[in-house]
Amino acid sequence: MRREDETDETSVFRRVVLKNASPYHYMKICLVLDDESTKLSAVDLKLFILTGLKNLFGEVGAAISFDLLKYDEDTLSGLLRVPSRSLVKLWSSLTLLGFYQNQACAFRVLQVSPYLLSLTGNSRELKLD
């Protein structure tokens, strides 16, 4: 028989918060330009992103390290790797970039994940036979 001052251990509410242990986040991005015939090389794209970081966050923003892992010049889409602690800064600078060589542009962030493998497939683009 149990006494009233004893508590049932199974009915105690516990809040468990797991922090992401991944050091990097991966972003699949696409650059949309007014003039679709404009082509950017991988070096030009990285320089454009660095310029946006510097304009928004100054020299501290320009010091953020990120890698352009994959880039397609035809579709102007790429895959970025950024340290998890700098993800918000990079994303906000991409959002605020509005002009490239005096023509309107916009970055579209298509997917973001701490795991590179999860960016290989997109259920929204799945075609079933």
Protein backbone atom coordinates (compact mmCIF):
# COMPACT_ATOMS: atom_id res chain seq x y z
CA MET A 1 0.00 0.00 0.00
CA ARG A 2 1.29 3.49 -0.88
CA ARG A 3 1.41 6.49 1.35
CA GLU A 4 -0.04 9.78 0.14
CA ASP A 5 3.27 11.67 0.29
CA GLU A 6 4.90 9.33 -2.25
CA THR A 7 4.65 10.42 -5.88
CA ASP A 8 4.24 8.20 -8.87
CA GLU A 9 7.45 8.55 -10.92
CA THR A 10 5.76 7.67 -14.20
CA SER A 11 3.31 10.57 -14.08
CA VAL A 12 5.89 13.31 -13.59
CA PHE A 13 6.10 15.73 -16.53
CA ARG A 14 9.62 16.10 -17.88
CA ARG A 15 10.65 18.54 -20.53
CA VAL A 16 13.52 17.34 -22.68
CA VAL A 17 15.18 19.79 -25.03
CA LEU A 18 17.74 18.48 -27.47
CA LYS A 19 20.07 20.95 -29.08
CA ASN A 20 21.28 20.37 -32.59
CA ALA A 21 24.79 18.99 -32.41
CA SER A 22 25.47 19.53 -36.09
CA PRO A 23 28.24 22.09 -36.64
CA TYR A 24 26.97 23.08 -40.12
CA HIS A 25 23.72 23.84 -41.89
CA TYR A 26 23.20 23.38 -45.61
CA MET A 27 21.13 25.72 -47.76
CA LYS A 28 19.83 25.07 -51.25
CA ILE A 29 19.43 28.50 -52.89
CA CYS A 30 18.44 29.95 -56.23
CA LEU A 31 19.13 33.45 -57.56
CA VAL A 32 16.34 35.01 -59.60
CA LEU A 33 17.40 37.91 -61.85
CA ASP A 34 15.30 40.30 -63.94
CA ASP A 35 17.42 39.61 -66.99
CA GLU A 36 17.49 35.84 -67.30
CA SER A 37 20.32 35.94 -69.82
CA THR A 38 22.78 37.18 -67.14
CA LYS A 39 25.22 34.49 -66.10
CA LEU A 40 27.26 34.42 -62.91
CA SER A 41 30.26 32.27 -62.23
CA ALA A 42 30.70 30.56 -58.87
CA VAL A 43 33.30 33.16 -57.89
CA ASP A 44 30.95 36.03 -58.77
CA LEU A 45 28.13 34.49 -56.74
CA LYS A 46 30.31 34.01 -53.67
CA LEU A 47 31.61 37.57 -53.97
CA PHE A 48 28.02 38.85 -54.29
CA ILE A 49 27.01 37.01 -51.10
CA LEU A 50 30.10 38.30 -49.28
CA THR A 51 29.23 41.84 -50.35
CA GLY A 52 25.73 41.42 -48.92
CA LEU A 53 27.14 40.13 -45.63
CA LYS A 54 29.54 43.06 -45.43
CA ASN A 55 26.84 45.63 -46.23
CA LEU A 56 24.53 44.29 -43.54
CA PHE A 57 26.93 43.27 -40.77
CA GLY A 58 30.15 45.11 -41.60
CA GLU A 59 33.56 43.49 -41.29
CA VAL A 60 32.19 40.95 -38.80
CA GLY A 61 29.70 39.79 -41.41
CA ALA A 62 32.36 39.60 -44.09
CA ALA A 63 34.36 37.30 -41.80
CA ILE A 64 31.57 34.69 -41.72
CA SER A 65 32.86 31.58 -43.38
CA PHE A 66 30.61 29.72 -45.78
CA ASP A 67 31.28 27.36 -48.64
CA LEU A 68 29.65 27.10 -52.03
CA LEU A 69 29.62 23.31 -52.38
CA LYS A 70 27.77 23.05 -55.67
CA TYR A 71 26.71 25.61 -58.25
CA ASP A 72 24.86 25.41 -61.56
CA GLU A 73 25.47 28.43 -63.81
CA ASP A 74 22.49 27.65 -66.04
CA THR A 75 19.86 27.67 -63.27
CA LEU A 76 21.79 30.01 -60.92
CA SER A 77 21.19 27.57 -58.08
CA GLY A 78 23.67 26.36 -55.53
CA LEU A 79 24.31 24.60 -52.28
CA LEU A 80 25.85 26.50 -49.37
CA ARG A 81 27.43 25.17 -46.20
CA VAL A 82 27.47 27.58 -43.27
CA PRO A 83 28.34 27.13 -39.59
CA SER A 84 25.14 26.70 -37.57
CA ARG A 85 25.86 29.76 -35.45
CA SER A 86 26.00 31.94 -38.60
CA LEU A 87 22.93 30.58 -40.39
CA VAL A 88 20.59 33.42 -39.40
CA LYS A 89 23.06 36.11 -40.44
CA LEU A 90 23.66 34.55 -43.84
CA TRP A 91 19.97 33.96 -44.45
CA SER A 92 19.05 37.54 -43.53
CA SER A 93 21.73 38.99 -45.78
CA LEU A 94 20.51 36.84 -48.69
CA THR A 95 16.98 38.08 -48.08
CA LEU A 96 18.02 41.73 -48.21
CA LEU A 97 20.09 41.52 -51.40
CA GLY A 98 17.94 43.19 -54.04
CA PHE A 99 20.17 44.38 -56.88
CA TYR A 100 22.95 42.81 -58.89
CA GLN A 101 24.69 45.14 -61.38
CA ASN A 102 21.73 47.56 -61.41
CA GLN A 103 19.10 44.90 -62.07
CA ALA A 104 16.58 43.57 -59.60
CA CYS A 105 17.27 40.18 -58.09
CA ALA A 106 16.13 37.95 -55.27
CA PHE A 107 17.53 34.90 -53.54
CA ARG A 108 15.11 32.04 -53.01
CA VAL A 109 16.02 29.72 -50.16
CA LEU A 110 14.62 26.39 -51.33
CA GLN A 111 15.68 24.08 -48.51
CA VAL A 112 17.65 24.27 -45.27
CA SER A 113 18.84 21.35 -43.20
CA PRO A 114 21.59 20.40 -40.75
CA TYR A 115 22.05 17.21 -42.79
CA LEU A 116 23.37 17.26 -46.34
CA LEU A 117 21.68 13.98 -47.23
CA SER A 118 18.22 15.43 -46.60
CA LEU A 119 18.71 17.94 -49.43
CA THR A 120 19.12 15.22 -52.05
CA GLY A 121 15.39 14.69 -52.41
CA ASN A 122 12.37 16.92 -52.24
CA SER A 123 8.95 15.41 -51.64
CA ARG A 124 7.33 18.42 -53.32
CA GLU A 125 8.97 17.53 -56.61
CA LEU A 126 8.35 13.78 -56.39
CA LYS A 127 6.94 12.24 -59.57
CA LEU A 128 5.23 8.90 -59.19
CA ASP A 129 4.78 6.59 -62.18
